[in-house]
Amino acid sequence: MNQPRFPHVVVVMGVAGTGKTTVGPPIADRLGVPYAEGDDFHPEANIAKMSAGTPLTDEDRRPWLDAIGRWAHERAGLGGVVSCSALKRSYRDRLRASAPGVVFVHLTGDRKLIEDRMAHRKGHFMPTALLDSQFATLQPLEADEAGVAVDVAGSPEEIAERAVTALQGLDR
């Protein structure tokens, strides 16, 4: 079996609308590892709450973060990419408790650009009304956290390429 080119599990994080679901798969393709959609780990109750425009509480997020953490733990040393907002340091700490080797790609960008992208996407349960609460909750990566920040301006391919280049810099 071939060794993955990047054996770490990458969590693509950021506020809603930054493109986690759009950029995650091309990052995984470039790294030669599988991709998992973080929203698929949400219990139905969470999706119903968000669809109704109600922000999730930390308690709501625990089973979701634990499920993502289990997936990341199972992929340790094999590599993988998973999308997960991971807005708070405590959420990232919870993921690291399950999978200590995870690294983060924090998708960042201009609020107006992100809001515009959210307004034009179809079939997603997260309304633009929750964007303010997402930005209010966001705690960017700290210096002691393994990860990189990547601007979301440009095409998904350009963003993914910047992310992979930045990640490869971490692996040296």
Protein backbone atom coordinates (compact mmCIF):
# COMPACT_ATOMS: atom_id res chain seq x y z
CA MET A 1 0.00 0.00 0.00
CA ASN A 2 1.26 3.47 -0.84
CA GLN A 3 2.08 5.89 1.96
CA PRO A 4 -0.09 9.01 1.81
CA ARG A 5 1.77 12.10 0.71
CA PHE A 6 0.48 13.91 3.78
CA PRO A 7 -0.23 11.47 6.64
CA HIS A 8 -1.93 14.02 8.90
CA VAL A 9 -5.66 14.58 9.22
CA VAL A 10 -6.50 18.08 8.05
CA VAL A 11 -9.50 19.90 9.47
CA VAL A 12 -10.70 22.59 7.06
CA MET A 13 -12.20 25.19 9.40
CA GLY A 14 -13.84 28.60 9.26
CA VAL A 15 -17.16 30.38 9.45
CA ALA A 16 -20.07 29.31 7.30
CA GLY A 17 -19.68 30.32 3.67
CA THR A 18 -15.88 30.23 3.52
CA GLY A 19 -15.99 27.18 1.26
CA LYS A 20 -15.02 24.32 3.56
CA THR A 21 -17.15 21.85 1.59
CA THR A 22 -16.04 23.25 -1.76
CA VAL A 23 -12.32 23.45 -0.99
CA GLY A 24 -11.99 20.33 1.19
CA PRO A 25 -12.30 17.75 -1.63
CA PRO A 26 -9.65 19.34 -3.90
CA ILE A 27 -7.30 19.63 -0.90
CA ALA A 28 -7.85 15.91 -0.22
CA ASP A 29 -7.27 15.08 -3.90
CA ARG A 30 -4.01 17.01 -3.99
CA LEU A 31 -2.86 15.28 -0.77
CA GLY A 32 -3.96 11.83 -1.98
CA VAL A 33 -6.26 11.19 1.01
CA PRO A 34 -10.03 10.76 1.54
CA TYR A 35 -12.41 13.61 2.31
CA ALA A 36 -15.24 13.58 4.86
CA GLU A 37 -18.00 16.19 4.95
CA GLY A 38 -18.26 17.54 8.49
CA ASP A 39 -21.96 18.35 8.17
CA ASP A 40 -22.63 14.61 7.74
CA PHE A 41 -21.51 14.08 11.35
CA HIS A 42 -24.24 16.39 12.77
CA PRO A 43 -27.14 14.76 14.60
CA GLU A 44 -30.53 15.51 13.01
CA ALA A 45 -31.44 17.78 15.95
CA ASN A 46 -28.51 20.06 15.12
CA ILE A 47 -29.49 20.34 11.47
CA ALA A 48 -33.08 21.15 12.46
CA LYS A 49 -31.88 23.88 14.83
CA MET A 50 -29.59 25.49 12.26
CA SER A 51 -32.23 25.23 9.53
CA ALA A 52 -34.55 27.18 11.81
CA GLY A 53 -31.89 29.89 12.20
CA THR A 54 -30.99 28.93 15.78
CA PRO A 55 -27.27 28.87 16.59
CA LEU A 56 -25.97 25.67 18.16
CA THR A 57 -24.80 25.68 21.76
CA ASP A 58 -21.53 24.17 22.91
CA GLU A 59 -23.56 21.26 24.29
CA ASP A 60 -25.18 20.73 20.85
CA ARG A 61 -21.74 20.62 19.24
CA ARG A 62 -20.16 18.00 21.57
CA PRO A 63 -21.54 14.85 19.86
CA TRP A 64 -20.71 16.35 16.46
CA LEU A 65 -17.14 17.18 17.44
CA ASP A 66 -16.72 13.76 19.06
CA ALA A 67 -17.90 12.01 15.88
CA ILE A 68 -15.44 14.03 13.76
CA GLY A 69 -12.73 13.32 16.33
CA ARG A 70 -13.38 9.56 16.08
CA TRP A 71 -13.08 9.73 12.29
CA ALA A 72 -9.85 11.72 12.56
CA HIS A 73 -8.47 9.26 15.13
CA GLU A 74 -9.21 6.33 12.79
CA ARG A 75 -7.34 8.16 9.99
CA ALA A 76 -4.27 9.00 12.14
CA GLY A 77 -1.12 8.23 10.16
CA LEU A 78 -3.21 7.52 7.06
CA GLY A 79 -4.24 11.09 6.34
CA GLY A 80 -7.60 12.59 5.57
CA VAL A 81 -9.40 15.88 5.18
CA VAL A 82 -12.59 16.78 7.02
CA SER A 83 -14.58 20.00 7.05
CA CYS A 84 -15.55 21.35 10.46
CA SER A 85 -16.16 24.94 11.47
CA ALA A 86 -14.00 24.47 14.63
CA LEU A 87 -14.63 28.11 15.47
CA LYS A 88 -13.53 28.02 19.11
CA ARG A 89 -10.23 26.96 20.60
CA SER A 90 -12.15 24.62 22.93
CA TYR A 91 -13.67 22.84 19.89
CA ARG A 92 -10.23 22.37 18.34
CA ASP A 93 -8.91 21.16 21.70
CA ARG A 94 -11.74 18.60 21.79
CA LEU A 95 -10.79 17.39 18.29
CA ARG A 96 -7.12 17.18 19.30
CA ALA A 97 -8.08 15.18 22.41
CA SER A 98 -9.42 12.47 20.08
CA ALA A 99 -6.83 12.89 17.33
CA PRO A 100 -3.69 14.65 18.64
CA GLY A 101 -2.02 14.94 15.23
CA VAL A 102 -4.73 16.94 13.45
CA VAL A 103 -3.72 20.11 11.63
CA PHE A 104 -6.04 22.95 10.68
CA VAL A 105 -6.57 24.94 7.50
CA HIS A 106 -8.40 28.08 8.62
CA LEU A 107 -10.25 29.56 5.65
CA THR A 108 -10.38 33.30 6.17
CA GLY A 109 -11.80 36.13 4.15
CA ASP A 110 -13.65 39.36 3.79
CA ARG A 111 -17.07 39.21 5.47
CA LYS A 112 -18.82 40.78 2.45
CA LEU A 113 -17.37 38.12 0.10
CA ILE A 114 -18.40 35.32 2.47
CA GLU A 115 -21.93 36.69 2.88
CA ASP A 116 -22.28 37.01 -0.90
CA ARG A 117 -21.18 33.40 -1.41
CA MET A 118 -23.63 32.21 1.26
CA ALA A 119 -26.49 34.12 -0.36
CA HIS A 120 -25.86 32.39 -3.69
CA ARG A 121 -25.42 28.80 -2.57
CA LYS A 122 -28.31 26.41 -2.94
CA GLY A 123 -29.50 23.51 -0.83
CA HIS A 124 -27.60 24.32 2.38
CA PHE A 125 -29.28 24.50 5.77
CA MET A 126 -27.18 27.41 7.17
CA PRO A 127 -28.94 30.75 6.60
CA THR A 128 -26.94 33.97 6.17
CA ALA A 129 -28.66 35.26 9.33
CA LEU A 130 -26.29 33.08 11.38
CA LEU A 131 -23.15 34.61 9.87
CA ASP A 132 -22.91 37.30 12.56
CA SER A 133 -23.01 34.68 15.31
CA GLN A 134 -20.33 32.69 13.47
CA PHE A 135 -17.98 35.69 13.32
CA ALA A 136 -18.74 36.54 16.96
CA THR A 137 -17.83 32.98 17.99
CA LEU A 138 -14.69 32.68 15.84
CA GLN A 139 -11.39 32.36 17.68
CA PRO A 140 -8.62 32.24 15.05
CA LEU A 141 -5.83 29.69 15.32
CA GLU A 142 -3.32 30.51 18.02
CA ALA A 143 0.45 30.30 17.63
CA ASP A 144 0.63 26.97 19.50
CA GLU A 145 -1.93 25.29 17.22
CA ALA A 146 -0.74 23.29 14.22
CA GLY A 147 -2.29 24.89 11.21
CA VAL A 148 -2.33 27.57 8.56
CA ALA A 149 -4.64 30.43 7.57
CA VAL A 150 -5.62 30.61 3.90
CA ASP A 151 -7.52 33.47 2.26
CA VAL A 152 -10.68 32.46 0.39
CA ALA A 153 -10.37 34.97 -2.44
CA GLY A 154 -10.14 33.30 -5.83
CA SER A 155 -11.37 30.03 -7.28
CA PRO A 156 -11.69 26.82 -5.24
CA GLU A 157 -8.68 25.43 -7.14
CA GLU A 158 -6.54 28.46 -6.25
CA ILE A 159 -7.58 28.28 -2.60
CA ALA A 160 -6.87 24.53 -2.45
CA GLU A 161 -3.45 25.04 -4.04
CA ARG A 162 -2.56 27.75 -1.50
CA ALA A 163 -3.73 25.48 1.32
CA VAL A 164 -1.68 22.49 0.17
CA THR A 165 1.43 24.64 -0.31
CA ALA A 166 1.02 26.06 3.19
CA LEU A 167 0.43 22.58 4.68
CA GLN A 168 3.54 21.19 3.02
CA GLY A 169 5.47 23.99 4.72
CA LEU A 170 4.22 22.66 8.08
CA ASP A 171 5.45 19.15 7.32
CA ARG A 172 9.10 20.15 7.08
